[in-house]
Amino acid sequence: MKKRLIAVATTVAALTSPLAMADSTPVMFSSVNGFNAPNASSVGGVRLSVLHGKVSEVKGLDISVLGMSERDRMTGVNIGLFFGGSKVNQQMTGAAFGLFNWNPGNTTGANISAVNITNNVKGLNFGLANYSEGKTSADVAFASISKSSTFQLGIFNMTDKIEGVQIGLINCADNGFLKCFPIVNFAK
């Protein structure tokens, strides 16, 4: 009995020590003013963010409710519920679903939301509106605007450089066979 009590006490002390909590945790609740419970810099499991939560890294499932879940790096799935959105500052690998996705860094995977604001995307942006300041592989939306794109499908498509094809009602590309053309446009 005494050995069990010592083992339990040692385990609890190790799991609740500031050093153990400072690195990573399997479950986290985040909210405004930098509140994270437990207080850790990364999550390897599930995080729930209400209003606004910020952490360095999430590997697993990140759920935001009524606000924005923010992190520097994400590997896994972001889900925004009840007006929830996602911001990944540096690198996102996986899929993001919600009201909006804001990824100023690099994305490998899919952004699926009403509005996607991205930089470089190796994968798919799917929504009502897509805006990218970098290169995208595929944009599907009513309106897509990017610096460079391989494929765009929508009502209005615009890019400085198309590397593949644009399909839509209005297609504009600085390097297109025509600068703006209906139905289809591609590089000269």
C-alpha atoms as a PDB file:
ATOM      1  CA  MET A   1       0.000   0.000   0.000  1.00  0.00           C
ATOM      2  CA  LYS A   2       2.803   2.363   0.918  1.00  0.00           C
ATOM      3  CA  LYS A   3       4.563   1.695  -2.421  1.00  0.00           C
ATOM      4  CA  ARG A   4       1.340   2.483  -4.337  1.00  0.00           C
ATOM      5  CA  LEU A   5       0.868   5.725  -2.444  1.00  0.00           C
ATOM      6  CA  ILE A   6       4.445   6.787  -3.177  1.00  0.00           C
ATOM      7  CA  ALA A   7       4.009   5.864  -6.868  1.00  0.00           C
ATOM      8  CA  VAL A   8       0.756   7.864  -7.136  1.00  0.00           C
ATOM      9  CA  ALA A   9       2.254  10.861  -5.325  1.00  0.00           C
ATOM     10  CA  THR A  10       5.341  10.802  -7.583  1.00  0.00           C
ATOM     11  CA  THR A  11       3.192  10.574 -10.729  1.00  0.00           C
ATOM     12  CA  VAL A  12       0.913  13.431  -9.641  1.00  0.00           C
ATOM     13  CA  ALA A  13       3.907  15.587  -8.722  1.00  0.00           C
ATOM     14  CA  ALA A  14       5.572  14.917 -12.085  1.00  0.00           C
ATOM     15  CA  LEU A  15       2.405  15.615 -14.084  1.00  0.00           C
ATOM     16  CA  THR A  16       1.520  18.811 -12.238  1.00  0.00           C
ATOM     17  CA  SER A  17       4.989  20.295 -11.907  1.00  0.00           C
ATOM     18  CA  PRO A  18       5.596  23.597 -13.742  1.00  0.00           C
ATOM     19  CA  LEU A  19       8.360  21.974 -15.817  1.00  0.00           C
ATOM     20  CA  ALA A  20       6.089  19.194 -17.063  1.00  0.00           C
ATOM     21  CA  MET A  21       3.276  21.631 -17.835  1.00  0.00           C
ATOM     22  CA  ALA A  22       5.511  24.176 -19.569  1.00  0.00           C
ATOM     23  CA  ASP A  23       6.222  21.936 -22.560  1.00  0.00           C
ATOM     24  CA  SER A  24       3.236  19.918 -23.773  1.00  0.00           C
ATOM     25  CA  THR A  25      -0.115  18.640 -22.649  1.00  0.00           C
ATOM     26  CA  PRO A  26      -2.584  16.154 -24.172  1.00  0.00           C
ATOM     27  CA  VAL A  27      -5.671  18.325 -23.446  1.00  0.00           C
ATOM     28  CA  MET A  28      -6.059  22.102 -23.122  1.00  0.00           C
ATOM     29  CA  PHE A  29      -8.741  24.743 -22.629  1.00  0.00           C
ATOM     30  CA  SER A  30      -7.851  28.232 -23.901  1.00  0.00           C
ATOM     31  CA  SER A  31      -9.575  31.594 -23.656  1.00  0.00           C
ATOM     32  CA  VAL A  32      -8.899  35.345 -23.656  1.00  0.00           C
ATOM     33  CA  ASN A  33      -5.890  37.114 -22.111  1.00  0.00           C
ATOM     34  CA  GLY A  34      -3.557  34.176 -22.714  1.00  0.00           C
ATOM     35  CA  PHE A  35      -5.475  31.803 -20.434  1.00  0.00           C
ATOM     36  CA  ASN A  36      -4.427  28.185 -21.062  1.00  0.00           C
ATOM     37  CA  ALA A  37      -5.357  25.350 -18.722  1.00  0.00           C
ATOM     38  CA  PRO A  38      -3.051  23.662 -18.154  1.00  0.00           C
ATOM     39  CA  ASN A  39      -0.382  26.290 -18.762  1.00  0.00           C
ATOM     40  CA  ALA A  40       1.666  24.746 -21.603  1.00  0.00           C
ATOM     41  CA  SER A  41       3.252  25.941 -24.822  1.00  0.00           C
ATOM     42  CA  SER A  42       2.035  23.049 -26.978  1.00  0.00           C
ATOM     43  CA  VAL A  43      -0.750  20.510 -27.214  1.00  0.00           C
ATOM     44  CA  GLY A  44      -0.396  16.929 -28.417  1.00  0.00           C
ATOM     45  CA  GLY A  45      -4.037  15.894 -28.441  1.00  0.00           C
ATOM     46  CA  VAL A  46      -7.150  18.088 -28.172  1.00  0.00           C
ATOM     47  CA  ARG A  47      -7.536  21.810 -27.505  1.00  0.00           C
ATOM     48  CA  LEU A  48     -10.771  23.754 -27.014  1.00  0.00           C
ATOM     49  CA  SER A  49     -10.555  27.509 -27.500  1.00  0.00           C
ATOM     50  CA  VAL A  50     -13.417  29.844 -26.544  1.00  0.00           C
ATOM     51  CA  LEU A  51     -13.401  33.488 -27.735  1.00  0.00           C
ATOM     52  CA  HIS A  52      -9.615  33.658 -28.341  1.00  0.00           C
ATOM     53  CA  GLY A  53      -6.957  31.162 -27.457  1.00  0.00           C
ATOM     54  CA  LYS A  54      -3.276  31.248 -28.319  1.00  0.00           C
ATOM     55  CA  VAL A  55      -0.597  28.598 -27.995  1.00  0.00           C
ATOM     56  CA  SER A  56       2.671  27.845 -29.794  1.00  0.00           C
ATOM     57  CA  GLU A  57       1.802  24.454 -31.323  1.00  0.00           C
ATOM     58  CA  VAL A  58      -1.044  21.971 -31.648  1.00  0.00           C
ATOM     59  CA  LYS A  59      -0.675  18.415 -32.936  1.00  0.00           C
ATOM     60  CA  GLY A  60      -4.088  16.796 -33.096  1.00  0.00           C
ATOM     61  CA  LEU A  61      -7.539  18.395 -32.941  1.00  0.00           C
ATOM     62  CA  ASP A  62      -8.073  22.117 -32.314  1.00  0.00           C
ATOM     63  CA  ILE A  63     -11.655  23.323 -31.795  1.00  0.00           C
ATOM     64  CA  SER A  64     -12.588  27.001 -31.628  1.00  0.00           C
ATOM     65  CA  VAL A  65     -15.953  28.277 -30.422  1.00  0.00           C
ATOM     66  CA  LEU A  66     -17.219  31.853 -30.833  1.00  0.00           C
ATOM     67  CA  GLY A  67     -13.871  33.304 -31.810  1.00  0.00           C
ATOM     68  CA  MET A  68     -10.408  32.508 -33.002  1.00  0.00           C
ATOM     69  CA  SER A  69      -7.984  29.764 -32.167  1.00  0.00           C
ATOM     70  CA  GLU A  70      -4.430  30.958 -32.800  1.00  0.00           C
ATOM     71  CA  ARG A  71      -1.170  29.059 -32.877  1.00  0.00           C
ATOM     72  CA  ASP A  72       2.200  29.249 -34.654  1.00  0.00           C
ATOM     73  CA  ARG A  73       2.245  25.644 -35.899  1.00  0.00           C
ATOM     74  CA  MET A  74      -0.591  23.182 -36.471  1.00  0.00           C
ATOM     75  CA  THR A  75      -0.536  19.534 -37.504  1.00  0.00           C
ATOM     76  CA  GLY A  76      -3.970  17.935 -37.634  1.00  0.00           C
ATOM     77  CA  VAL A  77      -7.494  19.301 -37.884  1.00  0.00           C
ATOM     78  CA  ASN A  78      -8.923  22.727 -36.976  1.00  0.00           C
ATOM     79  CA  ILE A  79     -12.684  22.949 -36.485  1.00  0.00           C
ATOM     80  CA  GLY A  80     -14.456  26.259 -35.918  1.00  0.00           C
ATOM     81  CA  LEU A  81     -17.887  25.921 -34.307  1.00  0.00           C
ATOM     82  CA  PHE A  82     -20.505  28.651 -33.764  1.00  0.00           C
ATOM     83  CA  PHE A  83     -18.601  31.463 -35.532  1.00  0.00           C
ATOM     84  CA  GLY A  84     -15.238  29.914 -34.752  1.00  0.00           C
ATOM     85  CA  GLY A  85     -12.174  30.545 -36.872  1.00  0.00           C
ATOM     86  CA  SER A  86      -8.542  29.626 -37.119  1.00  0.00           C
ATOM     87  CA  LYS A  87      -5.221  31.456 -37.415  1.00  0.00           C
ATOM     88  CA  VAL A  88      -1.944  29.649 -38.008  1.00  0.00           C
ATOM     89  CA  ASN A  89       0.995  32.067 -38.061  1.00  0.00           C
ATOM     90  CA  GLN A  90       3.780  29.875 -39.478  1.00  0.00           C
ATOM     91  CA  GLN A  91       2.989  26.326 -40.658  1.00  0.00           C
ATOM     92  CA  MET A  92      -0.247  24.338 -40.988  1.00  0.00           C
ATOM     93  CA  THR A  93      -0.347  20.725 -42.108  1.00  0.00           C
ATOM     94  CA  GLY A  94      -3.781  19.125 -42.254  1.00  0.00           C
ATOM     95  CA  ALA A  95      -7.289  20.472 -42.707  1.00  0.00           C
ATOM     96  CA  ALA A  96      -9.049  23.564 -41.368  1.00  0.00           C
ATOM     97  CA  PHE A  97     -12.845  23.965 -41.250  1.00  0.00           C
ATOM     98  CA  GLY A  98     -14.739  26.976 -39.921  1.00  0.00           C
ATOM     99  CA  LEU A  99     -16.124  30.430 -40.539  1.00  0.00           C
ATOM    100  CA  PHE A 100     -12.672  31.706 -41.535  1.00  0.00           C
ATOM    101  CA  ASN A 101      -9.117  30.431 -41.877  1.00  0.00           C
ATOM    102  CA  TRP A 102      -6.259  32.906 -41.650  1.00  0.00           C
ATOM    103  CA  ASN A 103      -2.880  31.368 -42.426  1.00  0.00           C
ATOM    104  CA  PRO A 104      -0.157  33.968 -43.161  1.00  0.00           C
ATOM    105  CA  GLY A 105       2.524  31.249 -43.235  1.00  0.00           C
ATOM    106  CA  ASN A 106       2.622  28.014 -45.245  1.00  0.00           C
ATOM    107  CA  THR A 107      -0.171  25.469 -45.578  1.00  0.00           C
ATOM    108  CA  THR A 108      -0.039  21.862 -46.722  1.00  0.00           C
ATOM    109  CA  GLY A 109      -3.551  20.442 -46.896  1.00  0.00           C
ATOM    110  CA  ALA A 110      -7.000  21.995 -47.142  1.00  0.00           C
ATOM    111  CA  ASN A 111      -8.648  25.218 -45.961  1.00  0.00           C
ATOM    112  CA  ILE A 112     -12.416  24.822 -46.086  1.00  0.00           C
ATOM    113  CA  SER A 113     -14.421  27.784 -44.810  1.00  0.00           C
ATOM    114  CA  ALA A 114     -16.458  30.808 -45.835  1.00  0.00           C
ATOM    115  CA  VAL A 115     -13.308  32.963 -46.097  1.00  0.00           C
ATOM    116  CA  ASN A 116      -9.718  31.755 -46.500  1.00  0.00           C
ATOM    117  CA  ILE A 117      -6.901  34.285 -46.144  1.00  0.00           C
ATOM    118  CA  THR A 118      -3.640  32.513 -46.866  1.00  0.00           C
ATOM    119  CA  ASN A 119      -0.085  32.866 -48.113  1.00  0.00           C
ATOM    120  CA  ASN A 120       1.413  29.726 -49.666  1.00  0.00           C
ATOM    121  CA  VAL A 121      -0.890  26.719 -50.004  1.00  0.00           C
ATOM    122  CA  LYS A 122       0.092  23.269 -51.260  1.00  0.00           C
ATOM    123  CA  GLY A 123      -3.401  21.865 -51.422  1.00  0.00           C
ATOM    124  CA  LEU A 124      -6.926  23.285 -51.635  1.00  0.00           C
ATOM    125  CA  ASN A 125      -8.606  26.526 -50.623  1.00  0.00           C
ATOM    126  CA  PHE A 126     -12.379  25.966 -50.758  1.00  0.00           C
ATOM    127  CA  GLY A 127     -14.856  28.628 -49.690  1.00  0.00           C
ATOM    128  CA  LEU A 128     -16.998  31.584 -50.653  1.00  0.00           C
ATOM    129  CA  ALA A 129     -13.906  33.809 -50.954  1.00  0.00           C
ATOM    130  CA  ASN A 130     -10.214  32.932 -51.132  1.00  0.00           C
ATOM    131  CA  TYR A 131      -7.433  35.515 -50.874  1.00  0.00           C
ATOM    132  CA  SER A 132      -3.779  34.542 -51.024  1.00  0.00           C
ATOM    133  CA  GLU A 133      -0.667  36.709 -50.963  1.00  0.00           C
ATOM    134  CA  GLY A 134       1.472  33.804 -52.173  1.00  0.00           C
ATOM    135  CA  LYS A 135       1.206  30.706 -54.358  1.00  0.00           C
ATOM    136  CA  THR A 136      -1.770  28.358 -54.244  1.00  0.00           C
ATOM    137  CA  SER A 137      -2.265  24.937 -55.809  1.00  0.00           C
ATOM    138  CA  ALA A 138      -6.063  25.021 -56.132  1.00  0.00           C
ATOM    139  CA  ASP A 139      -8.679  27.669 -55.320  1.00  0.00           C
ATOM    140  CA  VAL A 140     -12.392  26.876 -55.511  1.00  0.00           C
ATOM    141  CA  ALA A 141     -14.781  29.691 -54.526  1.00  0.00           C
ATOM    142  CA  PHE A 142     -17.201  32.300 -55.817  1.00  0.00           C
ATOM    143  CA  ALA A 143     -14.206  34.674 -55.799  1.00  0.00           C
ATOM    144  CA  SER A 144     -10.505  33.774 -55.644  1.00  0.00           C
ATOM    145  CA  ILE A 145      -7.626  36.244 -55.685  1.00  0.00           C
ATOM    146  CA  SER A 146      -3.990  35.163 -55.466  1.00  0.00           C
ATOM    147  CA  LYS A 147      -0.463  36.219 -56.353  1.00  0.00           C
ATOM    148  CA  SER A 148       0.164  32.933 -58.166  1.00  0.00           C
ATOM    149  CA  SER A 149      -2.033  29.882 -58.716  1.00  0.00           C
ATOM    150  CA  THR A 150      -2.053  26.570 -60.539  1.00  0.00           C
ATOM    151  CA  PHE A 151      -5.853  26.151 -60.716  1.00  0.00           C
ATOM    152  CA  GLN A 152      -8.814  28.415 -59.979  1.00  0.00           C
ATOM    153  CA  LEU A 153     -12.510  27.559 -60.282  1.00  0.00           C
ATOM    154  CA  GLY A 154     -15.258  30.044 -59.474  1.00  0.00           C
ATOM    155  CA  ILE A 155     -17.390  32.955 -60.614  1.00  0.00           C
ATOM    156  CA  PHE A 156     -14.494  35.454 -60.405  1.00  0.00           C
ATOM    157  CA  ASN A 157     -10.847  34.366 -60.521  1.00  0.00           C
ATOM    158  CA  MET A 158      -7.872  36.705 -60.441  1.00  0.00           C
ATOM    159  CA  THR A 159      -4.135  36.076 -60.160  1.00  0.00           C
ATOM    160  CA  ASP A 160      -0.913  37.764 -61.202  1.00  0.00           C
ATOM    161  CA  LYS A 161       0.438  34.456 -62.506  1.00  0.00           C
ATOM    162  CA  ILE A 162      -1.603  31.445 -63.597  1.00  0.00           C
ATOM    163  CA  GLU A 163       0.444  28.258 -64.021  1.00  0.00           C
ATOM    164  CA  GLY A 164      -2.451  26.051 -65.054  1.00  0.00           C
ATOM    165  CA  VAL A 165      -6.006  27.079 -65.833  1.00  0.00           C
ATOM    166  CA  GLN A 166      -8.779  29.348 -64.565  1.00  0.00           C
ATOM    167  CA  ILE A 167     -12.409  28.314 -65.082  1.00  0.00           C
ATOM    168  CA  GLY A 168     -15.215  30.746 -64.292  1.00  0.00           C
ATOM    169  CA  LEU A 169     -17.429  33.579 -65.437  1.00  0.00           C
ATOM    170  CA  ILE A 170     -14.578  36.144 -65.239  1.00  0.00           C
ATOM    171  CA  ASN A 171     -10.953  35.000 -65.258  1.00  0.00           C
ATOM    172  CA  CYS A 172      -8.101  37.504 -64.977  1.00  0.00           C
ATOM    173  CA  ALA A 173      -4.389  36.690 -65.031  1.00  0.00           C
ATOM    174  CA  ASP A 174      -1.538  39.074 -65.837  1.00  0.00           C
ATOM    175  CA  ASN A 175       0.164  36.274 -67.800  1.00  0.00           C
ATOM    176  CA  GLY A 176      -3.061  34.845 -69.285  1.00  0.00           C
ATOM    177  CA  PHE A 177      -3.539  34.379 -73.011  1.00  0.00           C
ATOM    178  CA  LEU A 178      -5.782  37.414 -72.521  1.00  0.00           C
ATOM    179  CA  LYS A 179      -5.555  39.535 -69.380  1.00  0.00           C
ATOM    180  CA  CYS A 180      -9.270  38.867 -68.628  1.00  0.00           C
ATOM    181  CA  PHE A 181     -11.403  36.312 -70.409  1.00  0.00           C
ATOM    182  CA  PRO A 182     -14.730  34.576 -69.680  1.00  0.00           C
ATOM    183  CA  ILE A 183     -15.147  30.825 -69.146  1.00  0.00           C
ATOM    184  CA  VAL A 184     -11.441  29.806 -69.328  1.00  0.00           C
ATOM    185  CA  ASN A 185      -8.026  31.443 -69.149  1.00  0.00           C
ATOM    186  CA  PHE A 186      -4.516  29.981 -69.085  1.00  0.00           C
ATOM    187  CA  ALA A 187      -0.900  31.135 -69.373  1.00  0.00           C
ATOM    188  CA  LYS A 188       0.384  32.441 -72.725  1.00  0.00           C
END
